[in-house]
Amino acid sequence: MNEIWDVVNSLAKKLDSHFQQSDELRWTVQALKLQEEAGEVAEAVIGALGANPRKGYSHDWDDVRKETCDVALSALVMLARMGGDPRWFFEEHVRAVAERTIAAVPAGDHE
């Protein structure tokens, strides 16, 4: 897992060195990049379903998986660009979500 965070932090540093604007502007651009990647997931799903009559079956479900990975990576890079310890913040958030989700499951349904 450290390897993933090494890549995430390296990407964040490279992007920050390339686009030297205010923190808020860099974060805004990264949020827009995240939205762009989410749109690519939608495009891939439409293509995998053949739902666009002009393009037909232009993608497959592996394309959807790859685009989904791009969304996840872009989100982690955004966390890294926002400063602090992105790994700690992400892991704490996952723990909180897991606790809420598991707590919401009625007893006996955990199996």
N, C-alpha and C. Protein backbone atom coordinates (compact mmCIF):
# COMPACT_ATOMS: atom_id res chain seq x y z
N MET A 1 0.81 -1.20 0.00
CA MET A 1 0.00 0.00 0.00
C MET A 1 0.85 1.27 0.00
N ASN A 2 2.03 1.21 0.60
CA ASN A 2 2.92 2.37 0.59
C ASN A 2 3.26 2.79 -0.83
N GLU A 3 3.41 1.80 -1.72
CA GLU A 3 3.75 2.09 -3.10
C GLU A 3 2.69 2.96 -3.77
N ILE A 4 1.43 2.68 -3.49
CA ILE A 4 0.34 3.48 -4.05
C ILE A 4 0.45 4.92 -3.57
N TRP A 5 0.67 5.10 -2.28
CA TRP A 5 0.76 6.45 -1.75
C TRP A 5 2.01 7.17 -2.25
N ASP A 6 3.08 6.44 -2.51
CA ASP A 6 4.27 7.05 -3.11
C ASP A 6 3.93 7.62 -4.48
N VAL A 7 3.19 6.86 -5.26
CA VAL A 7 2.77 7.31 -6.59
C VAL A 7 1.84 8.51 -6.47
N VAL A 8 0.85 8.41 -5.59
CA VAL A 8 -0.11 9.50 -5.39
C VAL A 8 0.62 10.79 -5.01
N ASN A 9 1.52 10.70 -4.04
CA ASN A 9 2.24 11.90 -3.59
C ASN A 9 3.16 12.44 -4.67
N SER A 10 3.77 11.56 -5.46
CA SER A 10 4.62 12.01 -6.57
C SER A 10 3.80 12.74 -7.63
N LEU A 11 2.63 12.19 -7.95
CA LEU A 11 1.76 12.85 -8.93
C LEU A 11 1.32 14.22 -8.42
N ALA A 12 0.96 14.29 -7.16
CA ALA A 12 0.52 15.56 -6.58
C ALA A 12 1.64 16.61 -6.65
N LYS A 13 2.85 16.20 -6.29
CA LYS A 13 3.99 17.13 -6.34
C LYS A 13 4.27 17.59 -7.76
N LYS A 14 4.20 16.66 -8.71
CA LYS A 14 4.46 17.02 -10.10
C LYS A 14 3.41 18.02 -10.60
N LEU A 15 2.15 17.75 -10.29
CA LEU A 15 1.08 18.66 -10.72
C LEU A 15 1.23 20.03 -10.06
N ASP A 16 1.56 20.04 -8.78
CA ASP A 16 1.73 21.32 -8.08
C ASP A 16 2.90 22.12 -8.63
N SER A 17 3.96 21.44 -9.03
CA SER A 17 5.11 22.15 -9.59
C SER A 17 4.81 22.71 -10.98
N HIS A 18 3.89 22.07 -11.67
CA HIS A 18 3.52 22.50 -13.02
C HIS A 18 2.52 23.66 -12.99
N PHE A 19 1.65 23.69 -12.00
CA PHE A 19 0.57 24.67 -11.92
C PHE A 19 0.69 25.41 -10.61
N GLN A 20 1.51 26.46 -10.61
CA GLN A 20 1.83 27.18 -9.38
C GLN A 20 0.88 28.36 -9.18
N GLN A 21 -0.31 28.03 -8.72
CA GLN A 21 -1.34 29.02 -8.42
C GLN A 21 -1.67 28.92 -6.94
N SER A 22 -2.68 29.63 -6.51
CA SER A 22 -3.10 29.55 -5.10
C SER A 22 -3.57 28.12 -4.80
N ASP A 23 -3.53 27.78 -3.52
CA ASP A 23 -4.01 26.45 -3.12
C ASP A 23 -5.43 26.21 -3.61
N GLU A 24 -6.31 27.19 -3.36
CA GLU A 24 -7.71 27.02 -3.72
C GLU A 24 -7.88 26.79 -5.22
N LEU A 25 -7.12 27.46 -6.04
CA LEU A 25 -7.24 27.30 -7.50
C LEU A 25 -6.72 25.92 -7.92
N ARG A 26 -5.61 25.48 -7.32
CA ARG A 26 -5.11 24.13 -7.66
C ARG A 26 -6.11 23.06 -7.25
N TRP A 27 -6.72 23.22 -6.08
CA TRP A 27 -7.71 22.25 -5.60
C TRP A 27 -8.94 22.26 -6.51
N THR A 28 -9.33 23.45 -6.95
CA THR A 28 -10.48 23.57 -7.84
C THR A 28 -10.21 22.87 -9.16
N VAL A 29 -9.03 23.07 -9.71
CA VAL A 29 -8.67 22.40 -10.96
C VAL A 29 -8.65 20.89 -10.77
N GLN A 30 -8.15 20.42 -9.63
CA GLN A 30 -8.14 18.98 -9.38
C GLN A 30 -9.56 18.44 -9.22
N ALA A 31 -10.45 19.22 -8.61
CA ALA A 31 -11.85 18.80 -8.50
C ALA A 31 -12.49 18.70 -9.89
N LEU A 32 -12.14 19.63 -10.76
CA LEU A 32 -12.64 19.56 -12.14
C LEU A 32 -12.09 18.34 -12.86
N LYS A 33 -10.83 18.02 -12.62
CA LYS A 33 -10.23 16.82 -13.20
C LYS A 33 -10.95 15.57 -12.70
N LEU A 34 -11.29 15.54 -11.43
CA LEU A 34 -12.03 14.42 -10.86
C LEU A 34 -13.38 14.27 -11.56
N GLN A 35 -14.06 15.37 -11.78
CA GLN A 35 -15.35 15.34 -12.48
C GLN A 35 -15.18 14.88 -13.92
N GLU A 36 -14.11 15.33 -14.56
CA GLU A 36 -13.83 14.89 -15.93
C GLU A 36 -13.65 13.37 -15.98
N GLU A 37 -12.92 12.83 -15.04
CA GLU A 37 -12.71 11.38 -14.99
C GLU A 37 -14.01 10.64 -14.73
N ALA A 38 -14.87 11.19 -13.87
CA ALA A 38 -16.18 10.56 -13.61
C ALA A 38 -17.02 10.54 -14.89
N GLY A 39 -16.91 11.60 -15.68
CA GLY A 39 -17.61 11.63 -16.96
C GLY A 39 -17.11 10.54 -17.90
N GLU A 40 -15.83 10.24 -17.82
CA GLU A 40 -15.27 9.17 -18.66
C GLU A 40 -15.78 7.80 -18.23
N VAL A 41 -16.05 7.63 -16.93
CA VAL A 41 -16.68 6.38 -16.47
C VAL A 41 -18.07 6.28 -17.11
N ALA A 42 -18.83 7.36 -17.05
CA ALA A 42 -20.18 7.36 -17.62
C ALA A 42 -20.12 7.05 -19.12
N GLU A 43 -19.19 7.66 -19.82
CA GLU A 43 -19.04 7.40 -21.25
C GLU A 43 -18.72 5.93 -21.52
N ALA A 44 -17.85 5.35 -20.71
CA ALA A 44 -17.48 3.95 -20.87
C ALA A 44 -18.66 3.02 -20.59
N VAL A 45 -19.46 3.34 -19.57
CA VAL A 45 -20.65 2.53 -19.27
C VAL A 45 -21.63 2.59 -20.43
N ILE A 46 -21.88 3.78 -20.94
CA ILE A 46 -22.77 3.92 -22.09
C ILE A 46 -22.24 3.12 -23.27
N GLY A 47 -20.92 3.16 -23.48
CA GLY A 47 -20.31 2.40 -24.57
C GLY A 47 -20.36 0.90 -24.35
N ALA A 48 -20.22 0.47 -23.10
CA ALA A 48 -20.28 -0.96 -22.79
C ALA A 48 -21.69 -1.51 -22.98
N LEU A 49 -22.68 -0.65 -22.76
CA LEU A 49 -24.07 -1.06 -22.95
C LEU A 49 -24.54 -0.89 -24.39
N GLY A 50 -23.74 -0.20 -25.20
CA GLY A 50 -24.14 0.08 -26.58
C GLY A 50 -25.31 1.03 -26.64
N ALA A 51 -25.43 1.90 -25.63
CA ALA A 51 -26.61 2.76 -25.50
C ALA A 51 -26.57 4.01 -26.40
N ASN A 52 -25.45 4.32 -26.98
CA ASN A 52 -25.37 5.45 -27.90
C ASN A 52 -25.47 4.92 -29.32
N PRO A 53 -26.59 5.18 -30.01
CA PRO A 53 -26.77 4.61 -31.34
C PRO A 53 -25.72 5.08 -32.35
N ARG A 54 -25.14 6.23 -32.11
CA ARG A 54 -24.11 6.74 -33.02
C ARG A 54 -22.78 6.01 -32.87
N LYS A 55 -22.48 5.54 -31.62
CA LYS A 55 -21.19 4.90 -31.36
C LYS A 55 -21.29 3.40 -31.16
N GLY A 56 -22.47 2.89 -30.80
CA GLY A 56 -22.63 1.45 -30.58
C GLY A 56 -21.82 0.99 -29.38
N TYR A 57 -21.31 -0.23 -29.48
CA TYR A 57 -20.51 -0.83 -28.40
C TYR A 57 -19.06 -0.35 -28.53
N SER A 58 -18.80 0.84 -28.00
CA SER A 58 -17.49 1.47 -28.14
C SER A 58 -16.53 1.14 -27.00
N HIS A 59 -17.03 0.55 -25.91
CA HIS A 59 -16.23 0.22 -24.75
C HIS A 59 -16.63 -1.16 -24.23
N ASP A 60 -15.79 -1.70 -23.35
CA ASP A 60 -16.17 -2.93 -22.65
C ASP A 60 -16.05 -2.67 -21.15
N TRP A 61 -16.39 -3.68 -20.34
CA TRP A 61 -16.41 -3.47 -18.90
C TRP A 61 -15.02 -3.30 -18.31
N ASP A 62 -13.99 -3.79 -19.00
CA ASP A 62 -12.62 -3.50 -18.54
C ASP A 62 -12.31 -2.01 -18.71
N ASP A 63 -12.85 -1.39 -19.76
CA ASP A 63 -12.69 0.06 -19.93
C ASP A 63 -13.34 0.80 -18.75
N VAL A 64 -14.51 0.32 -18.33
CA VAL A 64 -15.19 0.93 -17.19
C VAL A 64 -14.33 0.80 -15.94
N ARG A 65 -13.76 -0.37 -15.74
CA ARG A 65 -12.88 -0.58 -14.57
C ARG A 65 -11.69 0.38 -14.61
N LYS A 66 -11.07 0.51 -15.78
CA LYS A 66 -9.91 1.40 -15.90
C LYS A 66 -10.29 2.85 -15.61
N GLU A 67 -11.41 3.28 -16.16
CA GLU A 67 -11.85 4.65 -15.92
C GLU A 67 -12.19 4.86 -14.45
N THR A 68 -12.76 3.85 -13.81
CA THR A 68 -13.07 3.93 -12.38
C THR A 68 -11.78 4.07 -11.57
N CYS A 69 -10.75 3.36 -11.97
CA CYS A 69 -9.44 3.51 -11.31
C CYS A 69 -8.91 4.92 -11.48
N ASP A 70 -9.12 5.52 -12.65
CA ASP A 70 -8.68 6.90 -12.87
C ASP A 70 -9.40 7.85 -11.91
N VAL A 71 -10.70 7.60 -11.67
CA VAL A 71 -11.46 8.42 -10.72
C VAL A 71 -10.85 8.29 -9.32
N ALA A 72 -10.62 7.05 -8.90
CA ALA A 72 -10.06 6.81 -7.57
C ALA A 72 -8.69 7.48 -7.43
N LEU A 73 -7.85 7.33 -8.43
CA LEU A 73 -6.52 7.93 -8.38
C LEU A 73 -6.60 9.46 -8.35
N SER A 74 -7.48 10.02 -9.16
CA SER A 74 -7.64 11.48 -9.16
C SER A 74 -8.12 11.99 -7.81
N ALA A 75 -8.99 11.23 -7.16
CA ALA A 75 -9.48 11.63 -5.83
C ALA A 75 -8.35 11.59 -4.81
N LEU A 76 -7.54 10.54 -4.86
CA LEU A 76 -6.42 10.45 -3.91
C LEU A 76 -5.39 11.54 -4.16
N VAL A 77 -5.16 11.86 -5.43
CA VAL A 77 -4.23 12.95 -5.75
C VAL A 77 -4.78 14.28 -5.23
N MET A 78 -6.08 14.46 -5.33
CA MET A 78 -6.67 15.69 -4.79
C MET A 78 -6.44 15.78 -3.29
N LEU A 79 -6.65 14.68 -2.58
CA LEU A 79 -6.37 14.66 -1.13
C LEU A 79 -4.92 15.05 -0.86
N ALA A 80 -3.99 14.49 -1.63
CA ALA A 80 -2.57 14.78 -1.44
C ALA A 80 -2.26 16.24 -1.72
N ARG A 81 -2.91 16.80 -2.75
CA ARG A 81 -2.65 18.19 -3.11
C ARG A 81 -3.20 19.16 -2.06
N MET A 82 -4.14 18.69 -1.25
CA MET A 82 -4.74 19.56 -0.25
C MET A 82 -3.92 19.64 1.04
N GLY A 83 -2.82 18.89 1.10
CA GLY A 83 -1.92 19.00 2.24
C GLY A 83 -2.28 18.06 3.37
N GLY A 84 -1.48 18.12 4.40
CA GLY A 84 -1.66 17.21 5.52
C GLY A 84 -1.21 15.81 5.14
N ASP A 85 -1.73 14.83 5.82
CA ASP A 85 -1.38 13.44 5.57
C ASP A 85 -2.56 12.77 4.87
N PRO A 86 -2.53 12.70 3.55
CA PRO A 86 -3.70 12.17 2.83
C PRO A 86 -4.01 10.72 3.17
N ARG A 87 -2.97 9.95 3.40
CA ARG A 87 -3.20 8.53 3.74
C ARG A 87 -3.95 8.43 5.06
N TRP A 88 -3.51 9.15 6.08
CA TRP A 88 -4.19 9.12 7.38
C TRP A 88 -5.63 9.58 7.24
N PHE A 89 -5.83 10.69 6.52
CA PHE A 89 -7.18 11.24 6.36
C PHE A 89 -8.09 10.23 5.67
N PHE A 90 -7.60 9.62 4.60
CA PHE A 90 -8.40 8.64 3.86
C PHE A 90 -8.72 7.42 4.71
N GLU A 91 -7.72 6.89 5.40
CA GLU A 91 -7.94 5.71 6.23
C GLU A 91 -8.90 6.00 7.38
N GLU A 92 -8.80 7.17 7.98
CA GLU A 92 -9.73 7.55 9.04
C GLU A 92 -11.15 7.65 8.49
N HIS A 93 -11.28 8.22 7.31
CA HIS A 93 -12.61 8.35 6.70
C HIS A 93 -13.20 6.97 6.37
N VAL A 94 -12.38 6.07 5.84
CA VAL A 94 -12.86 4.72 5.55
C VAL A 94 -13.31 4.03 6.83
N ARG A 95 -12.54 4.18 7.90
CA ARG A 95 -12.92 3.59 9.19
C ARG A 95 -14.27 4.14 9.66
N ALA A 96 -14.46 5.45 9.56
CA ALA A 96 -15.72 6.06 10.00
C ALA A 96 -16.89 5.57 9.16
N VAL A 97 -16.70 5.47 7.87
CA VAL A 97 -17.76 4.96 7.00
C VAL A 97 -18.07 3.51 7.33
N ALA A 98 -17.03 2.72 7.55
CA ALA A 98 -17.24 1.31 7.89
C ALA A 98 -18.00 1.18 9.20
N GLU A 99 -17.64 1.98 10.18
CA GLU A 99 -18.34 1.92 11.47
C GLU A 99 -19.81 2.27 11.31
N ARG A 100 -20.11 3.32 10.55
CA ARG A 100 -21.50 3.71 10.32
C ARG A 100 -22.26 2.63 9.57
N THR A 101 -21.63 2.07 8.56
CA THR A 101 -22.28 1.07 7.73
C THR A 101 -22.53 -0.21 8.50
N ILE A 102 -21.53 -0.67 9.22
CA ILE A 102 -21.68 -1.90 10.00
C ILE A 102 -22.68 -1.69 11.12
N ALA A 103 -22.67 -0.52 11.74
CA ALA A 103 -23.61 -0.22 12.82
C ALA A 103 -25.05 -0.19 12.29
N ALA A 104 -25.23 0.14 11.02
CA ALA A 104 -26.57 0.25 10.43
C ALA A 104 -27.14 -1.11 10.04
N VAL A 105 -26.30 -2.15 9.99
CA VAL A 105 -26.76 -3.48 9.62
C VAL A 105 -27.35 -4.14 10.85
N PRO A 106 -28.60 -4.64 10.74
CA PRO A 106 -29.22 -5.28 11.91
C PRO A 106 -28.41 -6.47 12.41
N ALA A 107 -28.44 -6.72 13.70
CA ALA A 107 -27.73 -7.87 14.29
C ALA A 107 -28.15 -9.14 13.60
N GLY A 108 -27.19 -10.02 13.35
CA GLY A 108 -27.46 -11.27 12.66
C GLY A 108 -27.25 -11.20 11.17
N ASP A 109 -27.22 -9.99 10.61
CA ASP A 109 -27.00 -9.81 9.18
C ASP A 109 -25.53 -9.62 8.82
N HIS A 110 -24.64 -9.72 9.80
CA HIS A 110 -23.21 -9.51 9.57
C HIS A 110 -22.55 -10.71 8.91
N GLU A 111 -23.21 -11.82 8.87
CA GLU A 111 -22.56 -13.04 8.39
C GLU A 111 -22.60 -13.16 6.90
